Amino acid sequence: MAELEAAEERRNTENLAAAGELAVSAQERLLPVMDGLYEALPLDEGASSGVPGAVDGAPGTPDGAPGAVDGAPPDAADLREWRDVVDDVQEDVEELPPGSSEHNIVRNGLLLSTGLLGDTLDVLEVAGAADAGGTGRLYDVAGALRSRAVDAWAQAAVQLDMQYIAADRGHLHAFLPLHSGMSTEGEPELGH
């Protein structure tokens, strides 16, 4: 029994180290993508609802929520470059072995987040090919997906930080911001 407990403790320690390293590395790799998405999908940060990334009329967002403002549509080369980064990060997350429930919350949160970022890119690609009448709504949906990706990443980052604290490793703040001008330390931003 003691051997099994020791083996599980080793596995949890290895999983925690791997998840922490991956979260920090992925955060760094995704920042240019987030900056590009912010140029394409800037927010009206002066709105008062305090829901970051919420877009007017998007499902589940209140009227008067901060909305996407006109941005610079990404070109096909940007989308391909961003897709490569997001796909690489998602593959790295998929390679994290499953583990304890706490570890799986981190792993699944990062997978959900990178999947939502991929969905954001899919919608932007469709918006680029759509007629002018439908692009506004597509950009709203892309903005909402991007915000949900940030929120999913935040849930995983909080869980990872809690695991680091419980393991007496101090804090690990690996939050994914909407753009590189925002804190990656999980400080309140835009009422978050």
N, C-alpha and C. Protein backbone atom coordinates (compact mmCIF):
# COMPACT_ATOMS: atom_id res chain seq x y z
N MET A 1 0.83 -1.19 0.00
CA MET A 1 0.00 0.00 0.00
C MET A 1 0.87 1.26 0.00
N ALA A 2 1.92 1.24 0.80
CA ALA A 2 2.82 2.39 0.87
C ALA A 2 3.48 2.63 -0.48
N GLU A 3 3.83 1.56 -1.20
CA GLU A 3 4.45 1.70 -2.52
C GLU A 3 3.48 2.34 -3.50
N LEU A 4 2.21 1.94 -3.46
CA LEU A 4 1.21 2.52 -4.35
C LEU A 4 1.01 4.01 -4.05
N GLU A 5 0.95 4.35 -2.78
CA GLU A 5 0.79 5.76 -2.40
C GLU A 5 1.99 6.58 -2.83
N ALA A 6 3.19 6.01 -2.67
CA ALA A 6 4.40 6.73 -3.10
C ALA A 6 4.42 6.91 -4.61
N ALA A 7 4.00 5.89 -5.34
CA ALA A 7 3.96 5.99 -6.80
C ALA A 7 2.95 7.04 -7.24
N GLU A 8 1.80 7.08 -6.59
CA GLU A 8 0.79 8.09 -6.93
C GLU A 8 1.30 9.49 -6.61
N GLU A 9 1.99 9.64 -5.50
CA GLU A 9 2.54 10.94 -5.14
C GLU A 9 3.57 11.39 -6.16
N ARG A 10 4.43 10.46 -6.62
CA ARG A 10 5.41 10.80 -7.66
C ARG A 10 4.70 11.23 -8.95
N ARG A 11 3.67 10.47 -9.32
CA ARG A 11 2.93 10.81 -10.54
C ARG A 11 2.29 12.19 -10.41
N ASN A 12 1.70 12.49 -9.27
CA ASN A 12 1.08 13.81 -9.06
C ASN A 12 2.13 14.92 -9.12
N THR A 13 3.30 14.69 -8.56
CA THR A 13 4.38 15.68 -8.60
C THR A 13 4.84 15.90 -10.03
N GLU A 14 5.01 14.81 -10.78
CA GLU A 14 5.43 14.92 -12.18
C GLU A 14 4.35 15.63 -13.01
N ASN A 15 3.09 15.28 -12.80
CA ASN A 15 2.00 15.92 -13.53
C ASN A 15 1.92 17.41 -13.23
N LEU A 16 2.11 17.78 -11.96
CA LEU A 16 2.06 19.18 -11.57
C LEU A 16 3.18 19.96 -12.25
N ALA A 17 4.37 19.41 -12.24
CA ALA A 17 5.50 20.09 -12.89
C ALA A 17 5.25 20.23 -14.39
N ALA A 18 4.76 19.16 -15.01
CA ALA A 18 4.50 19.21 -16.46
C ALA A 18 3.41 20.21 -16.79
N ALA A 19 2.33 20.22 -16.01
CA ALA A 19 1.23 21.16 -16.27
C ALA A 19 1.70 22.59 -16.06
N GLY A 20 2.48 22.84 -15.03
CA GLY A 20 2.99 24.20 -14.78
C GLY A 20 3.88 24.68 -15.91
N GLU A 21 4.82 23.83 -16.33
CA GLU A 21 5.72 24.21 -17.42
C GLU A 21 4.93 24.47 -18.70
N LEU A 22 3.97 23.61 -18.98
CA LEU A 22 3.17 23.77 -20.19
C LEU A 22 2.34 25.04 -20.14
N ALA A 23 1.71 25.33 -19.01
CA ALA A 23 0.87 26.52 -18.91
C ALA A 23 1.68 27.79 -19.15
N VAL A 24 2.88 27.86 -18.58
CA VAL A 24 3.72 29.04 -18.76
C VAL A 24 4.20 29.14 -20.21
N SER A 25 4.65 28.02 -20.77
CA SER A 25 5.11 28.00 -22.16
C SER A 25 3.98 28.36 -23.12
N ALA A 26 2.81 27.76 -22.89
CA ALA A 26 1.66 28.01 -23.77
C ALA A 26 1.22 29.47 -23.68
N GLN A 27 1.24 30.00 -22.48
CA GLN A 27 0.88 31.42 -22.29
C GLN A 27 1.78 32.29 -23.16
N GLU A 28 3.08 32.05 -23.12
CA GLU A 28 4.03 32.85 -23.90
C GLU A 28 3.80 32.68 -25.40
N ARG A 29 3.55 31.45 -25.83
CA ARG A 29 3.33 31.20 -27.26
C ARG A 29 2.02 31.80 -27.76
N LEU A 30 1.01 31.83 -26.88
CA LEU A 30 -0.30 32.32 -27.30
C LEU A 30 -0.43 33.84 -27.24
N LEU A 31 0.44 34.54 -26.54
CA LEU A 31 0.31 36.00 -26.43
C LEU A 31 0.28 36.70 -27.80
N PRO A 32 1.16 36.35 -28.76
CA PRO A 32 1.04 37.00 -30.08
C PRO A 32 -0.30 36.71 -30.77
N VAL A 33 -0.84 35.52 -30.57
CA VAL A 33 -2.16 35.18 -31.13
C VAL A 33 -3.22 36.07 -30.48
N MET A 34 -3.15 36.20 -29.16
CA MET A 34 -4.13 37.01 -28.45
C MET A 34 -4.03 38.48 -28.89
N ASP A 35 -2.80 38.96 -29.12
CA ASP A 35 -2.64 40.33 -29.61
C ASP A 35 -3.26 40.48 -31.00
N GLY A 36 -3.03 39.50 -31.86
CA GLY A 36 -3.62 39.55 -33.20
C GLY A 36 -5.14 39.51 -33.14
N LEU A 37 -5.67 38.65 -32.26
CA LEU A 37 -7.12 38.59 -32.11
C LEU A 37 -7.67 39.89 -31.55
N TYR A 38 -6.91 40.53 -30.69
CA TYR A 38 -7.37 41.80 -30.13
C TYR A 38 -7.40 42.90 -31.20
N GLU A 39 -6.46 42.85 -32.13
CA GLU A 39 -6.50 43.81 -33.25
C GLU A 39 -7.71 43.55 -34.12
N ALA A 40 -8.03 42.28 -34.34
CA ALA A 40 -9.19 41.93 -35.17
C ALA A 40 -10.50 42.12 -34.42
N LEU A 41 -10.46 41.89 -33.11
CA LEU A 41 -11.67 41.91 -32.29
C LEU A 41 -11.47 42.79 -31.06
N PRO A 42 -11.18 44.09 -31.27
CA PRO A 42 -10.98 44.94 -30.09
C PRO A 42 -12.28 45.08 -29.32
N LEU A 43 -12.15 45.47 -28.06
CA LEU A 43 -13.33 45.61 -27.21
C LEU A 43 -13.58 47.07 -26.90
N ASP A 44 -14.85 47.36 -26.64
CA ASP A 44 -15.21 48.66 -26.11
C ASP A 44 -15.03 48.55 -24.61
N GLU A 45 -13.80 48.82 -24.13
CA GLU A 45 -13.48 48.62 -22.72
C GLU A 45 -14.05 49.72 -21.84
N GLY A 46 -14.67 50.72 -22.44
CA GLY A 46 -15.28 51.77 -21.64
C GLY A 46 -16.69 51.44 -21.21
N ALA A 47 -17.23 50.33 -21.70
CA ALA A 47 -18.59 49.96 -21.31
C ALA A 47 -18.59 49.51 -19.86
N SER A 48 -19.76 49.52 -19.24
CA SER A 48 -19.81 49.39 -17.79
C SER A 48 -20.24 48.04 -17.25
N SER A 49 -20.49 47.05 -18.05
CA SER A 49 -21.01 45.81 -17.48
C SER A 49 -19.96 45.00 -16.75
N GLY A 50 -18.69 45.20 -17.07
CA GLY A 50 -17.65 44.46 -16.40
C GLY A 50 -17.48 43.04 -16.90
N VAL A 51 -18.08 42.69 -18.03
CA VAL A 51 -17.92 41.37 -18.59
C VAL A 51 -16.90 41.47 -19.71
N PRO A 52 -15.64 41.04 -19.46
CA PRO A 52 -14.63 41.19 -20.50
C PRO A 52 -14.96 40.35 -21.72
N GLY A 53 -14.84 40.95 -22.88
CA GLY A 53 -15.03 40.21 -24.11
C GLY A 53 -16.47 39.97 -24.49
N ALA A 54 -17.39 40.36 -23.63
CA ALA A 54 -18.79 40.18 -23.97
C ALA A 54 -19.12 41.09 -25.15
N VAL A 55 -19.95 40.62 -26.02
CA VAL A 55 -20.30 41.41 -27.19
C VAL A 55 -21.80 41.64 -27.20
N ASP A 56 -22.19 42.82 -27.63
CA ASP A 56 -23.61 43.14 -27.68
C ASP A 56 -24.33 42.11 -28.53
N GLY A 57 -25.40 41.57 -27.98
CA GLY A 57 -26.23 40.65 -28.73
C GLY A 57 -25.71 39.22 -28.76
N ALA A 58 -24.54 38.97 -28.18
CA ALA A 58 -24.05 37.60 -28.17
C ALA A 58 -24.86 36.79 -27.17
N PRO A 59 -25.02 35.52 -27.42
CA PRO A 59 -25.82 34.70 -26.51
C PRO A 59 -25.29 34.81 -25.08
N GLY A 60 -26.18 35.05 -24.16
CA GLY A 60 -25.82 35.06 -22.76
C GLY A 60 -25.20 36.35 -22.27
N THR A 61 -25.09 37.37 -23.11
CA THR A 61 -24.52 38.63 -22.65
C THR A 61 -25.63 39.64 -22.45
N PRO A 62 -25.55 40.43 -21.40
CA PRO A 62 -26.59 41.41 -21.15
C PRO A 62 -26.51 42.58 -22.12
N ASP A 63 -27.64 43.26 -22.30
CA ASP A 63 -27.61 44.47 -23.10
C ASP A 63 -26.69 45.46 -22.43
N GLY A 64 -25.95 46.19 -23.22
CA GLY A 64 -25.04 47.17 -22.68
C GLY A 64 -23.70 46.59 -22.28
N ALA A 65 -23.46 45.31 -22.58
CA ALA A 65 -22.17 44.72 -22.28
C ALA A 65 -21.13 45.31 -23.21
N PRO A 66 -19.85 45.25 -22.82
CA PRO A 66 -18.83 45.75 -23.72
C PRO A 66 -18.93 45.03 -25.05
N GLY A 67 -18.85 45.73 -26.11
CA GLY A 67 -19.01 45.12 -27.41
C GLY A 67 -17.76 45.20 -28.24
N ALA A 68 -17.70 44.35 -29.23
CA ALA A 68 -16.60 44.42 -30.17
C ALA A 68 -16.73 45.70 -30.96
N VAL A 69 -15.63 46.35 -31.19
CA VAL A 69 -15.61 47.54 -32.02
C VAL A 69 -14.88 47.18 -33.29
N ASP A 70 -14.97 48.07 -34.28
CA ASP A 70 -14.36 47.75 -35.56
C ASP A 70 -12.87 47.51 -35.40
N GLY A 71 -12.42 46.39 -35.92
CA GLY A 71 -11.01 46.04 -35.85
C GLY A 71 -10.47 45.82 -37.25
N ALA A 72 -9.25 45.35 -37.31
CA ALA A 72 -8.60 45.06 -38.58
C ALA A 72 -8.79 43.58 -38.89
N PRO A 73 -9.58 43.25 -39.92
CA PRO A 73 -9.80 41.84 -40.22
C PRO A 73 -8.47 41.14 -40.51
N PRO A 74 -8.27 39.97 -39.94
CA PRO A 74 -7.02 39.25 -40.20
C PRO A 74 -7.01 38.69 -41.62
N ASP A 75 -5.83 38.62 -42.20
CA ASP A 75 -5.75 38.01 -43.53
C ASP A 75 -5.51 36.51 -43.37
N ALA A 76 -5.54 35.81 -44.48
CA ALA A 76 -5.43 34.35 -44.45
C ALA A 76 -4.09 33.91 -43.87
N ALA A 77 -3.03 34.65 -44.13
CA ALA A 77 -1.71 34.28 -43.60
C ALA A 77 -1.69 34.40 -42.08
N ASP A 78 -2.30 35.47 -41.54
CA ASP A 78 -2.39 35.61 -40.08
C ASP A 78 -3.15 34.45 -39.47
N LEU A 79 -4.29 34.13 -40.06
CA LEU A 79 -5.11 33.04 -39.54
C LEU A 79 -4.35 31.71 -39.56
N ARG A 80 -3.61 31.45 -40.64
CA ARG A 80 -2.82 30.20 -40.70
C ARG A 80 -1.74 30.18 -39.61
N GLU A 81 -1.06 31.31 -39.44
CA GLU A 81 -0.02 31.40 -38.41
C GLU A 81 -0.60 31.18 -37.02
N TRP A 82 -1.72 31.85 -36.73
CA TRP A 82 -2.36 31.69 -35.42
C TRP A 82 -2.84 30.26 -35.23
N ARG A 83 -3.40 29.67 -36.28
CA ARG A 83 -3.90 28.30 -36.21
C ARG A 83 -2.75 27.34 -35.87
N ASP A 84 -1.59 27.55 -36.48
CA ASP A 84 -0.45 26.69 -36.19
C ASP A 84 -0.07 26.75 -34.71
N VAL A 85 -0.06 27.95 -34.15
CA VAL A 85 0.29 28.11 -32.73
C VAL A 85 -0.75 27.44 -31.85
N VAL A 86 -2.02 27.72 -32.12
CA VAL A 86 -3.10 27.15 -31.30
C VAL A 86 -3.09 25.62 -31.41
N ASP A 87 -2.91 25.10 -32.61
CA ASP A 87 -2.87 23.64 -32.79
C ASP A 87 -1.69 23.02 -32.04
N ASP A 88 -0.52 23.69 -32.10
CA ASP A 88 0.66 23.18 -31.38
C ASP A 88 0.41 23.14 -29.88
N VAL A 89 -0.17 24.21 -29.35
CA VAL A 89 -0.45 24.25 -27.91
C VAL A 89 -1.47 23.17 -27.55
N GLN A 90 -2.50 23.03 -28.38
CA GLN A 90 -3.52 22.01 -28.09
C GLN A 90 -2.91 20.61 -28.10
N GLU A 91 -2.02 20.34 -29.04
CA GLU A 91 -1.36 19.03 -29.07
C GLU A 91 -0.53 18.81 -27.81
N ASP A 92 0.16 19.86 -27.36
CA ASP A 92 0.96 19.74 -26.14
C ASP A 92 0.06 19.44 -24.93
N VAL A 93 -1.08 20.10 -24.87
CA VAL A 93 -2.00 19.86 -23.75
C VAL A 93 -2.54 18.43 -23.82
N GLU A 94 -2.86 17.98 -25.03
CA GLU A 94 -3.37 16.61 -25.19
C GLU A 94 -2.35 15.58 -24.72
N GLU A 95 -1.06 15.91 -24.83
CA GLU A 95 -0.01 14.99 -24.42
C GLU A 95 0.17 14.93 -22.91
N LEU A 96 -0.39 15.90 -22.18
CA LEU A 96 -0.34 15.80 -20.73
C LEU A 96 -1.08 14.54 -20.31
N PRO A 97 -0.46 13.69 -19.51
CA PRO A 97 -1.18 12.47 -19.11
C PRO A 97 -2.31 12.82 -18.15
N PRO A 98 -3.36 12.04 -18.16
CA PRO A 98 -4.40 12.25 -17.15
C PRO A 98 -3.84 11.93 -15.77
N GLY A 99 -4.51 12.42 -14.75
CA GLY A 99 -4.03 12.18 -13.40
C GLY A 99 -5.14 12.35 -12.39
N SER A 100 -4.81 13.03 -11.32
CA SER A 100 -5.79 13.26 -10.26
C SER A 100 -6.91 14.15 -10.78
N SER A 101 -7.99 14.21 -10.03
CA SER A 101 -9.11 15.07 -10.43
C SER A 101 -8.66 16.51 -10.58
N GLU A 102 -7.84 16.99 -9.65
CA GLU A 102 -7.35 18.37 -9.71
C GLU A 102 -6.54 18.60 -10.98
N HIS A 103 -5.67 17.65 -11.30
CA HIS A 103 -4.85 17.75 -12.51
C HIS A 103 -5.74 17.73 -13.76
N ASN A 104 -6.74 16.85 -13.76
CA ASN A 104 -7.62 16.75 -14.93
C ASN A 104 -8.44 18.02 -15.14
N ILE A 105 -8.75 18.74 -14.07
CA ILE A 105 -9.44 20.03 -14.22
C ILE A 105 -8.55 20.99 -14.99
N VAL A 106 -7.27 21.02 -14.65
CA VAL A 106 -6.32 21.89 -15.36
C VAL A 106 -6.22 21.45 -16.82
N ARG A 107 -5.98 20.18 -17.04
CA ARG A 107 -5.80 19.66 -18.40
C ARG A 107 -7.04 19.93 -19.25
N ASN A 108 -8.21 19.61 -18.71
CA ASN A 108 -9.45 19.80 -19.48
C ASN A 108 -9.75 21.27 -19.71
N GLY A 109 -9.44 22.13 -18.74
CA GLY A 109 -9.65 23.56 -18.92
C GLY A 109 -8.78 24.14 -20.02
N LEU A 110 -7.51 23.69 -20.06
CA LEU A 110 -6.61 24.16 -21.12
C LEU A 110 -7.06 23.61 -22.48
N LEU A 111 -7.53 22.36 -22.50
CA LEU A 111 -8.04 21.81 -23.76
C LEU A 111 -9.27 22.57 -24.24
N LEU A 112 -10.18 22.87 -23.32
CA LEU A 112 -11.37 23.63 -23.68
C LEU A 112 -10.98 25.00 -24.22
N SER A 113 -10.05 25.64 -23.54
CA SER A 113 -9.63 26.97 -23.96
C SER A 113 -9.02 26.96 -25.37
N THR A 114 -8.10 26.04 -25.61
CA THR A 114 -7.47 26.01 -26.93
C THR A 114 -8.48 25.60 -28.00
N GLY A 115 -9.43 24.74 -27.65
CA GLY A 115 -10.50 24.41 -28.60
C GLY A 115 -11.34 25.62 -28.95
N LEU A 116 -11.65 26.43 -27.95
CA LEU A 116 -12.43 27.66 -28.20
C LEU A 116 -11.63 28.67 -29.03
N LEU A 117 -10.33 28.73 -28.80
CA LEU A 117 -9.51 29.61 -29.64
C LEU A 117 -9.52 29.12 -31.09
N GLY A 118 -9.47 27.80 -31.28
CA GLY A 118 -9.59 27.25 -32.63
C GLY A 118 -10.93 27.58 -33.26
N ASP A 119 -12.00 27.50 -32.46
CA ASP A 119 -13.33 27.87 -32.96
C ASP A 119 -13.38 29.35 -33.34
N THR A 120 -12.71 30.17 -32.54
CA THR A 120 -12.64 31.61 -32.85
C THR A 120 -12.02 31.82 -34.22
N LEU A 121 -10.93 31.11 -34.48
CA LEU A 121 -10.26 31.23 -35.78
C LEU A 121 -11.14 30.71 -36.91
N ASP A 122 -11.90 29.63 -36.66
CA ASP A 122 -12.82 29.12 -37.68
C ASP A 122 -13.85 30.18 -38.06
N VAL A 123 -14.41 30.83 -37.04
CA VAL A 123 -15.44 31.85 -37.30
C VAL A 123 -14.83 33.04 -38.04
N LEU A 124 -13.62 33.44 -37.67
CA LEU A 124 -12.97 34.54 -38.39
C LEU A 124 -12.71 34.18 -39.85
N GLU A 125 -12.37 32.91 -40.09
CA GLU A 125 -12.16 32.48 -41.47
C GLU A 125 -13.46 32.54 -42.26
N VAL A 126 -14.54 32.11 -41.64
CA VAL A 126 -15.85 32.18 -42.31
C VAL A 126 -16.24 33.65 -42.52
N ALA A 127 -15.96 34.49 -41.54
CA ALA A 127 -16.30 35.92 -41.67
C ALA A 127 -15.55 36.56 -42.83
N GLY A 128 -14.31 36.12 -43.04
CA GLY A 128 -13.54 36.67 -44.15
C GLY A 128 -14.12 36.32 -45.51
N ALA A 129 -14.84 35.20 -45.58
CA ALA A 129 -15.44 34.78 -46.85
C ALA A 129 -16.91 35.16 -46.96
N ALA A 130 -17.49 35.70 -45.89
CA ALA A 130 -18.92 36.02 -45.88
C ALA A 130 -19.19 37.35 -46.58
N ASP A 131 -20.46 37.52 -47.00
CA ASP A 131 -20.83 38.82 -47.55
C ASP A 131 -20.90 39.83 -46.41
N ALA A 132 -20.84 41.08 -46.77
CA ALA A 132 -20.75 42.15 -45.77
C ALA A 132 -21.92 42.15 -44.80
N GLY A 133 -23.06 41.65 -45.20
CA GLY A 133 -24.24 41.66 -44.33
C GLY A 133 -24.12 40.77 -43.11
N GLY A 134 -23.34 39.71 -43.21
CA GLY A 134 -23.26 38.77 -42.09
C GLY A 134 -21.98 38.84 -41.28
N THR A 135 -21.04 39.67 -41.71
CA THR A 135 -19.75 39.67 -41.02
C THR A 135 -19.82 40.24 -39.61
N GLY A 136 -20.66 41.23 -39.38
CA GLY A 136 -20.74 41.82 -38.05
C GLY A 136 -21.13 40.80 -37.00
N ARG A 137 -22.13 40.01 -37.29
CA ARG A 137 -22.57 38.98 -36.34
C ARG A 137 -21.49 37.92 -36.16
N LEU A 138 -20.80 37.55 -37.23
CA LEU A 138 -19.73 36.56 -37.13
C LEU A 138 -18.60 37.09 -36.25
N TYR A 139 -18.28 38.36 -36.39
CA TYR A 139 -17.24 38.94 -35.54
C TYR A 139 -17.70 38.98 -34.08
N ASP A 140 -18.97 39.22 -33.85
CA ASP A 140 -19.50 39.18 -32.48
C ASP A 140 -19.34 37.78 -31.89
N VAL A 141 -19.67 36.76 -32.68
CA VAL A 141 -19.54 35.39 -32.20
C VAL A 141 -18.07 35.05 -31.94
N ALA A 142 -17.20 35.46 -32.85
CA ALA A 142 -15.76 35.21 -32.66
C ALA A 142 -15.26 35.88 -31.38
N GLY A 143 -15.71 37.10 -31.12
CA GLY A 143 -15.32 37.79 -29.90
C GLY A 143 -15.80 37.07 -28.65
N ALA A 144 -17.01 36.56 -28.70
CA ALA A 144 -17.55 35.82 -27.56
C ALA A 144 -16.78 34.52 -27.33
N LEU A 145 -16.45 33.82 -28.41
CA LEU A 145 -15.66 32.59 -28.29
C LEU A 145 -14.29 32.87 -27.70
N ARG A 146 -13.65 33.92 -28.18
CA ARG A 146 -12.34 34.29 -27.65
C ARG A 146 -12.43 34.57 -26.14
N SER A 147 -13.47 35.28 -25.71
CA SER A 147 -13.65 35.58 -24.29
C SER A 147 -13.91 34.32 -23.47
N ARG A 148 -14.66 33.39 -24.04
CA ARG A 148 -14.90 32.13 -23.34
C ARG A 148 -13.60 31.32 -23.22
N ALA A 149 -12.75 31.42 -24.24
CA ALA A 149 -11.44 30.75 -24.17
C ALA A 149 -10.61 31.31 -23.02
N VAL A 150 -10.62 32.64 -22.88
CA VAL A 150 -9.88 33.28 -21.79
C VAL A 150 -10.46 32.85 -20.44
N ASP A 151 -11.78 32.78 -20.34
CA ASP A 151 -12.42 32.37 -19.09
C ASP A 151 -12.10 30.91 -18.76
N ALA A 152 -12.13 30.03 -19.76
CA ALA A 152 -11.81 28.61 -19.52
C ALA A 152 -10.37 28.47 -19.07
N TRP A 153 -9.48 29.23 -19.70
CA TRP A 153 -8.07 29.19 -19.30
C TRP A 153 -7.93 29.68 -17.86
N ALA A 154 -8.68 30.70 -17.50
CA ALA A 154 -8.60 31.25 -16.14
C ALA A 154 -9.01 30.21 -15.10
N GLN A 155 -10.03 29.41 -15.40
CA GLN A 155 -10.43 28.37 -14.46
C GLN A 155 -9.31 27.36 -14.27
N ALA A 156 -8.67 26.98 -15.37
CA ALA A 156 -7.55 26.04 -15.27
C ALA A 156 -6.38 26.67 -14.52
N ALA A 157 -6.12 27.94 -14.78
CA ALA A 157 -5.00 28.62 -14.12
C ALA A 157 -5.21 28.75 -12.62
N VAL A 158 -6.43 29.02 -12.20
CA VAL A 158 -6.73 29.10 -10.77
C VAL A 158 -6.50 27.72 -10.13
N GLN A 159 -6.99 26.67 -10.77
CA GLN A 159 -6.79 25.32 -10.24
C GLN A 159 -5.31 24.98 -10.14
N LEU A 160 -4.55 25.33 -11.17
CA LEU A 160 -3.11 25.06 -11.18
C LEU A 160 -2.42 25.84 -10.07
N ASP A 161 -2.79 27.09 -9.87
CA ASP A 161 -2.22 27.89 -8.79
C ASP A 161 -2.53 27.25 -7.44
N MET A 162 -3.75 26.80 -7.26
CA MET A 162 -4.12 26.15 -6.00
C MET A 162 -3.30 24.88 -5.76
N GLN A 163 -3.03 24.13 -6.82
CA GLN A 163 -2.21 22.93 -6.69
C GLN A 163 -0.77 23.30 -6.31
N TYR A 164 -0.24 24.35 -6.91
CA TYR A 164 1.11 24.80 -6.56
C TYR A 164 1.18 25.20 -5.09
N ILE A 165 0.19 25.92 -4.63
CA ILE A 165 0.16 26.34 -3.23
C ILE A 165 0.09 25.11 -2.32
N ALA A 166 -0.79 24.17 -2.65
CA ALA A 166 -0.94 22.97 -1.82
C ALA A 166 0.34 22.14 -1.78
N ALA A 167 1.14 22.21 -2.84
CA ALA A 167 2.40 21.45 -2.90
C ALA A 167 3.58 22.25 -2.35
N ASP A 168 3.28 23.38 -1.71
CA ASP A 168 4.32 24.25 -1.14
C ASP A 168 5.32 24.74 -2.19
N ARG A 169 4.81 25.02 -3.39
CA ARG A 169 5.65 25.55 -4.47
C ARG A 169 5.43 27.04 -4.68
N GLY A 170 4.63 27.66 -3.84
CA GLY A 170 4.31 29.07 -4.02
C GLY A 170 3.20 29.22 -5.04
N HIS A 171 3.10 30.42 -5.59
CA HIS A 171 2.07 30.70 -6.60
C HIS A 171 2.60 30.47 -8.00
N LEU A 172 1.71 30.08 -8.88
CA LEU A 172 2.01 30.03 -10.31
C LEU A 172 0.86 30.72 -11.02
N HIS A 173 1.13 31.89 -11.56
CA HIS A 173 0.11 32.65 -12.28
C HIS A 173 0.37 32.53 -13.77
N ALA A 174 -0.46 31.79 -14.45
CA ALA A 174 -0.31 31.57 -15.88
C ALA A 174 -1.63 31.84 -16.58
N PHE A 175 -2.18 33.02 -16.33
CA PHE A 175 -3.46 33.39 -16.95
C PHE A 175 -3.24 33.82 -18.39
N LEU A 176 -4.25 33.65 -19.21
CA LEU A 176 -4.21 34.04 -20.61
C LEU A 176 -5.01 35.33 -20.76
N PRO A 177 -4.32 36.45 -21.04
CA PRO A 177 -5.03 37.72 -21.15
C PRO A 177 -5.65 37.91 -22.54
N LEU A 178 -6.54 38.87 -22.64
CA LEU A 178 -7.14 39.21 -23.93
C LEU A 178 -6.11 39.82 -24.87
N HIS A 179 -5.09 40.47 -24.31
CA HIS A 179 -3.98 41.02 -25.09
C HIS A 179 -2.80 41.21 -24.15
N SER A 180 -1.61 41.38 -24.71
CA SER A 180 -0.40 41.41 -23.89
C SER A 180 -0.31 42.64 -23.01
N GLY A 181 -1.14 43.65 -23.22
CA GLY A 181 -1.16 44.81 -22.35
C GLY A 181 -1.86 44.55 -21.04
N MET A 182 -2.53 43.42 -20.92
CA MET A 182 -3.21 43.03 -19.68
C MET A 182 -2.29 42.13 -18.87
N SER A 183 -2.55 42.05 -17.59
CA SER A 183 -1.74 41.24 -16.71
C SER A 183 -1.96 39.76 -16.96
N THR A 184 -0.89 39.00 -16.86
CA THR A 184 -0.98 37.54 -16.90
C THR A 184 -0.96 36.98 -15.49
N GLU A 185 -1.05 37.87 -14.50
CA GLU A 185 -0.98 37.47 -13.10
C GLU A 185 -2.35 37.21 -12.51
N GLY A 186 -3.41 37.35 -13.27
CA GLY A 186 -4.74 37.10 -12.76
C GLY A 186 -5.31 38.25 -11.96
N GLU A 187 -4.72 39.44 -12.11
CA GLU A 187 -5.27 40.61 -11.42
C GLU A 187 -6.58 41.00 -12.06
N PRO A 188 -7.45 41.66 -11.31
CA PRO A 188 -8.73 42.06 -11.89
C PRO A 188 -8.50 43.01 -13.08
N GLU A 189 -9.10 42.70 -14.16
CA GLU A 189 -9.04 43.52 -15.37
C GLU A 189 -10.46 43.65 -15.90
N LEU A 190 -10.84 44.81 -16.28
CA LEU A 190 -12.16 45.02 -16.87
C LEU A 190 -13.27 44.46 -15.98
N GLY A 191 -13.11 44.56 -14.69
CA GLY A 191 -14.13 44.06 -13.79
C GLY A 191 -14.10 42.57 -13.60
N HIS A 192 -13.09 41.89 -14.15
CA HIS A 192 -12.99 40.43 -14.07
C HIS A 192 -12.63 40.02 -12.67
